[in-house]
Amino acid sequence: MRFSRISRIVATRIPVVLSDTSKDADWESQGETSRVKSWIALPLVYGSETIGLLTLGHDQVGFYDPDLEETLIPLAN
């Protein structure tokens, strides 16, 4: 069984930063997401549970840098 990217982020509680969505095999471009070229997903964790997910998308490739991932982990918690 293949889990969606969102399911993996919720389960692992690890932020994901895609600098270029076109180079990501799991990225599905549909409707509004067709304009998204750079993307962040940040799980919001309270206690031991993921209570939400913050996502940010940008229409510029490279707008979000993969180095942000380490910075985002404390923010998620």
PDB file of N, CA and C in Angstrom:
ATOM      1  N   MET A   1       0.840  -1.186   0.000  1.00  0.00           N
ATOM      2  CA  MET A   1       0.000   0.000   0.000  1.00  0.00           C
ATOM      3  C   MET A   1       0.882   1.246   0.000  1.00  0.00           C
ATOM      4  N   ARG A   2       0.633   2.160  -0.903  1.00  0.00           N
ATOM      5  CA  ARG A   2       1.409   3.391  -1.010  1.00  0.00           C
ATOM      6  C   ARG A   2       0.684   4.514  -0.277  1.00  0.00           C
ATOM      7  N   PHE A   3       1.396   5.155   0.644  1.00  0.00           N
ATOM      8  CA  PHE A   3       0.818   6.265   1.381  1.00  0.00           C
ATOM      9  C   PHE A   3       1.062   7.561   0.633  1.00  0.00           C
ATOM     10  N   SER A   4       0.127   8.453   0.729  1.00  0.00           N
ATOM     11  CA  SER A   4       0.302   9.760   0.099  1.00  0.00           C
ATOM     12  C   SER A   4       1.360  10.554   0.864  1.00  0.00           C
ATOM     13  N   ARG A   5       1.885  11.548   0.203  1.00  0.00           N
ATOM     14  CA  ARG A   5       2.883  12.404   0.847  1.00  0.00           C
ATOM     15  C   ARG A   5       2.320  13.013   2.131  1.00  0.00           C
ATOM     16  N   ILE A   6       1.080  13.488   2.093  1.00  0.00           N
ATOM     17  CA  ILE A   6       0.466  14.100   3.271  1.00  0.00           C
ATOM     18  C   ILE A   6       0.383  13.092   4.411  1.00  0.00           C
ATOM     19  N   SER A   7      -0.024  11.876   4.120  1.00  0.00           N
ATOM     20  CA  SER A   7      -0.094  10.829   5.158  1.00  0.00           C
ATOM     21  C   SER A   7       1.268  10.582   5.777  1.00  0.00           C
ATOM     22  N   ARG A   8       2.311  10.561   4.955  1.00  0.00           N
ATOM     23  CA  ARG A   8       3.678  10.343   5.474  1.00  0.00           C
ATOM     24  C   ARG A   8       4.113  11.504   6.362  1.00  0.00           C
ATOM     25  N   ILE A   9       3.790  12.733   5.966  1.00  0.00           N
ATOM     26  CA  ILE A   9       4.182  13.895   6.768  1.00  0.00           C
ATOM     27  C   ILE A   9       3.473  13.860   8.116  1.00  0.00           C
ATOM     28  N   VAL A  10       2.194  13.543   8.110  1.00  0.00           N
ATOM     29  CA  VAL A  10       1.429  13.456   9.363  1.00  0.00           C
ATOM     30  C   VAL A  10       1.993  12.350  10.245  1.00  0.00           C
ATOM     31  N   ALA A  11       2.295  11.193   9.664  1.00  0.00           N
ATOM     32  CA  ALA A  11       2.785  10.046  10.440  1.00  0.00           C
ATOM     33  C   ALA A  11       4.197  10.265  10.985  1.00  0.00           C
ATOM     34  N   THR A  12       5.085  10.839  10.180  1.00  0.00           N
ATOM     35  CA  THR A  12       6.481  10.992  10.598  1.00  0.00           C
ATOM     36  C   THR A  12       6.751  12.283  11.344  1.00  0.00           C
ATOM     37  N   ARG A  13       5.854  13.277  11.157  1.00  0.00           N
ATOM     38  CA  ARG A  13       6.001  14.601  11.772  1.00  0.00           C
ATOM     39  C   ARG A  13       7.274  15.315  11.308  1.00  0.00           C
ATOM     40  N   ILE A  14       7.665  15.045  10.071  1.00  0.00           N
ATOM     41  CA  ILE A  14       8.857  15.666   9.499  1.00  0.00           C
ATOM     42  C   ILE A  14       8.432  16.604   8.375  1.00  0.00           C
ATOM     43  N   PRO A  15       8.836  17.883   8.450  1.00  0.00           N
ATOM     44  CA  PRO A  15       8.494  18.833   7.392  1.00  0.00           C
ATOM     45  C   PRO A  15       9.104  18.410   6.054  1.00  0.00           C
ATOM     46  N   VAL A  16       8.476  18.840   4.987  1.00  0.00           N
ATOM     47  CA  VAL A  16       8.982  18.567   3.640  1.00  0.00           C
ATOM     48  C   VAL A  16       9.122  19.900   2.904  1.00  0.00           C
ATOM     49  N   VAL A  17      10.258  20.069   2.251  1.00  0.00           N
ATOM     50  CA  VAL A  17      10.492  21.252   1.436  1.00  0.00           C
ATOM     51  C   VAL A  17      10.829  20.777   0.023  1.00  0.00           C
ATOM     52  N   LEU A  18      10.028  21.200  -0.928  1.00  0.00           N
ATOM     53  CA  LEU A  18      10.297  20.906  -2.339  1.00  0.00           C
ATOM     54  C   LEU A  18      10.709  22.208  -3.011  1.00  0.00           C
ATOM     55  N   SER A  19      11.955  22.279  -3.403  1.00  0.00           N
ATOM     56  CA  SER A  19      12.462  23.474  -4.060  1.00  0.00           C
ATOM     57  C   SER A  19      11.947  23.569  -5.493  1.00  0.00           C
ATOM     58  N   ASP A  20      11.742  22.399  -6.123  1.00  0.00           N
ATOM     59  CA  ASP A  20      11.241  22.351  -7.499  1.00  0.00           C
ATOM     60  C   ASP A  20      10.273  21.173  -7.615  1.00  0.00           C
ATOM     61  N   THR A  21       8.995  21.454  -7.593  1.00  0.00           N
ATOM     62  CA  THR A  21       7.985  20.385  -7.604  1.00  0.00           C
ATOM     63  C   THR A  21       8.030  19.553  -8.881  1.00  0.00           C
ATOM     64  N   SER A  22       8.514  20.121  -9.975  1.00  0.00           N
ATOM     65  CA  SER A  22       8.558  19.369 -11.238  1.00  0.00           C
ATOM     66  C   SER A  22       9.570  18.231 -11.196  1.00  0.00           C
ATOM     67  N   LYS A  23      10.493  18.270 -10.259  1.00  0.00           N
ATOM     68  CA  LYS A  23      11.508  17.224 -10.141  1.00  0.00           C
ATOM     69  C   LYS A  23      11.149  16.183  -9.091  1.00  0.00           C
ATOM     70  N   ASP A  24       9.959  16.280  -8.526  1.00  0.00           N
ATOM     71  CA  ASP A  24       9.537  15.355  -7.478  1.00  0.00           C
ATOM     72  C   ASP A  24       8.540  14.339  -8.052  1.00  0.00           C
ATOM     73  N   ALA A  25       8.878  13.067  -7.941  1.00  0.00           N
ATOM     74  CA  ALA A  25       8.045  12.009  -8.530  1.00  0.00           C
ATOM     75  C   ALA A  25       6.659  11.919  -7.897  1.00  0.00           C
ATOM     76  N   ASP A  26       6.518  12.304  -6.638  1.00  0.00           N
ATOM     77  CA  ASP A  26       5.235  12.192  -5.932  1.00  0.00           C
ATOM     78  C   ASP A  26       4.332  13.421  -6.093  1.00  0.00           C
ATOM     79  N   TRP A  27       4.845  14.489  -6.679  1.00  0.00           N
ATOM     80  CA  TRP A  27       4.051  15.711  -6.805  1.00  0.00           C
ATOM     81  C   TRP A  27       2.974  15.525  -7.858  1.00  0.00           C
ATOM     82  N   GLU A  28       1.749  15.836  -7.481  1.00  0.00           N
ATOM     83  CA  GLU A  28       0.624  15.752  -8.418  1.00  0.00           C
ATOM     84  C   GLU A  28       0.103  17.154  -8.686  1.00  0.00           C
ATOM     85  N   SER A  29       0.270  17.604  -9.890  1.00  0.00           N
ATOM     86  CA  SER A  29      -0.163  18.939 -10.272  1.00  0.00           C
ATOM     87  C   SER A  29      -1.600  18.876 -10.774  1.00  0.00           C
ATOM     88  N   GLN A  30      -2.502  19.499 -10.023  1.00  0.00           N
ATOM     89  CA  GLN A  30      -3.921  19.504 -10.380  1.00  0.00           C
ATOM     90  C   GLN A  30      -4.522  20.862 -10.023  1.00  0.00           C
ATOM     91  N   GLY A  31      -5.369  21.373 -10.875  1.00  0.00           N
ATOM     92  CA  GLY A  31      -6.083  22.613 -10.563  1.00  0.00           C
ATOM     93  C   GLY A  31      -5.172  23.706 -10.067  1.00  0.00           C
ATOM     94  N   GLU A  32      -5.426  24.161  -8.854  1.00  0.00           N
ATOM     95  CA  GLU A  32      -4.658  25.260  -8.265  1.00  0.00           C
ATOM     96  C   GLU A  32      -3.190  24.904  -8.056  1.00  0.00           C
ATOM     97  N   THR A  33      -2.867  23.629  -7.845  1.00  0.00           N
ATOM     98  CA  THR A  33      -1.471  23.268  -7.616  1.00  0.00           C
ATOM     99  C   THR A  33      -0.637  23.306  -8.879  1.00  0.00           C
ATOM    100  N   SER A  34      -1.249  23.490 -10.037  1.00  0.00           N
ATOM    101  CA  SER A  34      -0.483  23.527 -11.283  1.00  0.00           C
ATOM    102  C   SER A  34       0.463  24.733 -11.331  1.00  0.00           C
ATOM    103  N   ARG A  35       0.166  25.763 -10.565  1.00  0.00           N
ATOM    104  CA  ARG A  35       1.033  26.949 -10.520  1.00  0.00           C
ATOM    105  C   ARG A  35       2.133  26.837  -9.471  1.00  0.00           C
ATOM    106  N   VAL A  36       2.052  25.850  -8.587  1.00  0.00           N
ATOM    107  CA  VAL A  36       3.011  25.723  -7.487  1.00  0.00           C
ATOM    108  C   VAL A  36       4.307  25.109  -8.007  1.00  0.00           C
ATOM    109  N   LYS A  37       5.394  25.835  -7.841  1.00  0.00           N
ATOM    110  CA  LYS A  37       6.718  25.376  -8.287  1.00  0.00           C
ATOM    111  C   LYS A  37       7.651  25.064  -7.117  1.00  0.00           C
ATOM    112  N   SER A  38       7.358  25.641  -5.950  1.00  0.00           N
ATOM    113  CA  SER A  38       8.155  25.433  -4.739  1.00  0.00           C
ATOM    114  C   SER A  38       7.163  25.292  -3.582  1.00  0.00           C
ATOM    115  N   TRP A  39       7.378  24.311  -2.674  1.00  0.00           N
ATOM    116  CA  TRP A  39       6.340  23.955  -1.701  1.00  0.00           C
ATOM    117  C   TRP A  39       6.929  23.531  -0.369  1.00  0.00           C
ATOM    118  N   ILE A  40       6.240  23.887   0.706  1.00  0.00           N
ATOM    119  CA  ILE A  40       6.602  23.471   2.065  1.00  0.00           C
ATOM    120  C   ILE A  40       5.365  22.861   2.711  1.00  0.00           C
ATOM    121  N   ALA A  41       5.576  21.782   3.455  1.00  0.00           N
ATOM    122  CA  ALA A  41       4.517  21.219   4.303  1.00  0.00           C
ATOM    123  C   ALA A  41       5.098  21.072   5.700  1.00  0.00           C
ATOM    124  N   LEU A  42       4.423  21.663   6.664  1.00  0.00           N
ATOM    125  CA  LEU A  42       4.888  21.687   8.047  1.00  0.00           C
ATOM    126  C   LEU A  42       3.819  21.073   8.940  1.00  0.00           C
ATOM    127  N   PRO A  43       4.108  19.885   9.530  1.00  0.00           N
ATOM    128  CA  PRO A  43       3.135  19.300  10.446  1.00  0.00           C
ATOM    129  C   PRO A  43       3.110  20.102  11.741  1.00  0.00           C
ATOM    130  N   LEU A  44       1.931  20.344  12.250  1.00  0.00           N
ATOM    131  CA  LEU A  44       1.783  21.058  13.513  1.00  0.00           C
ATOM    132  C   LEU A  44       1.521  20.021  14.599  1.00  0.00           C
ATOM    133  N   VAL A  45       2.454  19.926  15.529  1.00  0.00           N
ATOM    134  CA  VAL A  45       2.422  18.864  16.530  1.00  0.00           C
ATOM    135  C   VAL A  45       2.157  19.453  17.909  1.00  0.00           C
ATOM    136  N   TYR A  46       1.225  18.829  18.622  1.00  0.00           N
ATOM    137  CA  TYR A  46       0.923  19.210  20.000  1.00  0.00           C
ATOM    138  C   TYR A  46       0.964  17.936  20.821  1.00  0.00           C
ATOM    139  N   GLY A  47       1.839  17.925  21.815  1.00  0.00           N
ATOM    140  CA  GLY A  47       2.011  16.688  22.583  1.00  0.00           C
ATOM    141  C   GLY A  47       2.591  15.628  21.670  1.00  0.00           C
ATOM    142  N   SER A  48       1.902  14.538  21.543  1.00  0.00           N
ATOM    143  CA  SER A  48       2.387  13.461  20.680  1.00  0.00           C
ATOM    144  C   SER A  48       1.521  13.288  19.431  1.00  0.00           C
ATOM    145  N   GLU A  49       0.696  14.292  19.144  1.00  0.00           N
ATOM    146  CA  GLU A  49      -0.206  14.160  18.002  1.00  0.00           C
ATOM    147  C   GLU A  49      -0.025  15.286  16.988  1.00  0.00           C
ATOM    148  N   THR A  50      -0.184  14.930  15.730  1.00  0.00           N
ATOM    149  CA  THR A  50      -0.209  15.929  14.669  1.00  0.00           C
ATOM    150  C   THR A  50      -1.624  16.481  14.613  1.00  0.00           C
ATOM    151  N   ILE A  51      -1.752  17.781  14.855  1.00  0.00           N
ATOM    152  CA  ILE A  51      -3.084  18.385  14.927  1.00  0.00           C
ATOM    153  C   ILE A  51      -3.437  19.194  13.677  1.00  0.00           C
ATOM    154  N   GLY A  52      -2.481  19.333  12.790  1.00  0.00           N
ATOM    155  CA  GLY A  52      -2.749  20.088  11.577  1.00  0.00           C
ATOM    156  C   GLY A  52      -1.555  20.061  10.657  1.00  0.00           C
ATOM    157  N   LEU A  53      -1.709  20.689   9.528  1.00  0.00           N
ATOM    158  CA  LEU A  53      -0.647  20.737   8.535  1.00  0.00           C
ATOM    159  C   LEU A  53      -0.679  22.110   7.869  1.00  0.00           C
ATOM    160  N   LEU A  54       0.440  22.803   7.926  1.00  0.00           N
ATOM    161  CA  LEU A  54       0.576  24.100   7.275  1.00  0.00           C
ATOM    162  C   LEU A  54       1.322  23.887   5.969  1.00  0.00           C
ATOM    163  N   THR A  55       0.741  24.314   4.857  1.00  0.00           N
ATOM    164  CA  THR A  55       1.425  24.207   3.578  1.00  0.00           C
ATOM    165  C   THR A  55       1.551  25.583   2.959  1.00  0.00           C
ATOM    166  N   LEU A  56       2.685  25.809   2.329  1.00  0.00           N
ATOM    167  CA  LEU A  56       2.954  27.060   1.630  1.00  0.00           C
ATOM    168  C   LEU A  56       3.438  26.719   0.231  1.00  0.00           C
ATOM    169  N   GLY A  57       2.864  27.355  -0.747  1.00  0.00           N
ATOM    170  CA  GLY A  57       3.288  27.138  -2.119  1.00  0.00           C
ATOM    171  C   GLY A  57       3.681  28.456  -2.763  1.00  0.00           C
ATOM    172  N   HIS A  58       4.605  28.377  -3.694  1.00  0.00           N
ATOM    173  CA  HIS A  58       5.045  29.574  -4.411  1.00  0.00           C
ATOM    174  C   HIS A  58       5.204  29.237  -5.883  1.00  0.00           C
ATOM    175  N   ASP A  59       4.986  30.223  -6.743  1.00  0.00           N
ATOM    176  CA  ASP A  59       5.055  29.973  -8.183  1.00  0.00           C
ATOM    177  C   ASP A  59       6.462  30.116  -8.766  1.00  0.00           C
ATOM    178  N   GLN A  60       7.448  30.318  -7.902  1.00  0.00           N
ATOM    179  CA  GLN A  60       8.835  30.451  -8.345  1.00  0.00           C
ATOM    180  C   GLN A  60       9.638  29.236  -7.908  1.00  0.00           C
ATOM    181  N   VAL A  61      10.298  28.565  -8.867  1.00  0.00           N
ATOM    182  CA  VAL A  61      11.183  27.446  -8.547  1.00  0.00           C
ATOM    183  C   VAL A  61      12.298  27.952  -7.633  1.00  0.00           C
ATOM    184  N   GLY A  62      12.601  27.193  -6.583  1.00  0.00           N
ATOM    185  CA  GLY A  62      13.685  27.545  -5.674  1.00  0.00           C
ATOM    186  C   GLY A  62      13.335  28.563  -4.612  1.00  0.00           C
ATOM    187  N   PHE A  63      12.089  29.011  -4.577  1.00  0.00           N
ATOM    188  CA  PHE A  63      11.714  30.007  -3.569  1.00  0.00           C
ATOM    189  C   PHE A  63      11.918  29.457  -2.159  1.00  0.00           C
ATOM    190  N   TYR A  64      11.556  28.196  -1.959  1.00  0.00           N
ATOM    191  CA  TYR A  64      11.806  27.530  -0.677  1.00  0.00           C
ATOM    192  C   TYR A  64      13.012  26.616  -0.846  1.00  0.00           C
ATOM    193  N   ASP A  65      13.981  26.771   0.021  1.00  0.00           N
ATOM    194  CA  ASP A  65      15.234  26.032  -0.043  1.00  0.00           C
ATOM    195  C   ASP A  65      15.169  24.807   0.870  1.00  0.00           C
ATOM    196  N   PRO A  66      15.686  23.650   0.428  1.00  0.00           N
ATOM    197  CA  PRO A  66      15.672  22.454   1.273  1.00  0.00           C
ATOM    198  C   PRO A  66      16.353  22.640   2.629  1.00  0.00           C
ATOM    199  N   ASP A  67      17.273  23.595   2.728  1.00  0.00           N
ATOM    200  CA  ASP A  67      17.944  23.857   4.013  1.00  0.00           C
ATOM    201  C   ASP A  67      16.976  24.362   5.075  1.00  0.00           C
ATOM    202  N   LEU A  68      15.799  24.817   4.673  1.00  0.00           N
ATOM    203  CA  LEU A  68      14.784  25.281   5.624  1.00  0.00           C
ATOM    204  C   LEU A  68      14.242  24.145   6.502  1.00  0.00           C
ATOM    205  N   GLU A  69      14.359  22.920   6.015  1.00  0.00           N
ATOM    206  CA  GLU A  69      13.764  21.781   6.718  1.00  0.00           C
ATOM    207  C   GLU A  69      14.227  21.707   8.177  1.00  0.00           C
ATOM    208  N   GLU A  70      15.516  21.855   8.430  1.00  0.00           N
ATOM    209  CA  GLU A  70      16.038  21.792   9.800  1.00  0.00           C
ATOM    210  C   GLU A  70      15.518  22.957  10.647  1.00  0.00           C
ATOM    211  N   THR A  71      15.310  24.103  10.043  1.00  0.00           N
ATOM    212  CA  THR A  71      14.783  25.265  10.747  1.00  0.00           C
ATOM    213  C   THR A  71      13.326  25.066  11.114  1.00  0.00           C
ATOM    214  N   LEU A  72      12.579  24.361  10.263  1.00  0.00           N
ATOM    215  CA  LEU A  72      11.149  24.196  10.463  1.00  0.00           C
ATOM    216  C   LEU A  72      10.783  23.160  11.532  1.00  0.00           C
ATOM    217  N   ILE A  73      11.645  22.186  11.781  1.00  0.00           N
ATOM    218  CA  ILE A  73      11.316  21.122  12.736  1.00  0.00           C
ATOM    219  C   ILE A  73      10.972  21.681  14.116  1.00  0.00           C
ATOM    220  N   PRO A  74      11.776  22.581  14.707  1.00  0.00           N
ATOM    221  CA  PRO A  74      11.398  23.142  16.012  1.00  0.00           C
ATOM    222  C   PRO A  74      10.094  23.934  15.954  1.00  0.00           C
ATOM    223  N   LEU A  75       9.840  24.621  14.854  1.00  0.00           N
ATOM    224  CA  LEU A  75       8.617  25.378  14.705  1.00  0.00           C
ATOM    225  C   LEU A  75       7.390  24.441  14.709  1.00  0.00           C
ATOM    226  N   ALA A  76       7.520  23.305  14.070  1.00  0.00           N
ATOM    227  CA  ALA A  76       6.431  22.343  14.018  1.00  0.00           C
ATOM    228  C   ALA A  76       6.061  21.826  15.409  1.00  0.00           C
ATOM    229  N   ASN A  77       7.062  21.691  16.255  1.00  0.00           N
ATOM    230  CA  ASN A  77       6.836  21.171  17.589  1.00  0.00           C
ATOM    231  C   ASN A  77       6.472  22.269  18.559  1.00  0.00           C
TER     232      ASN A  77
END
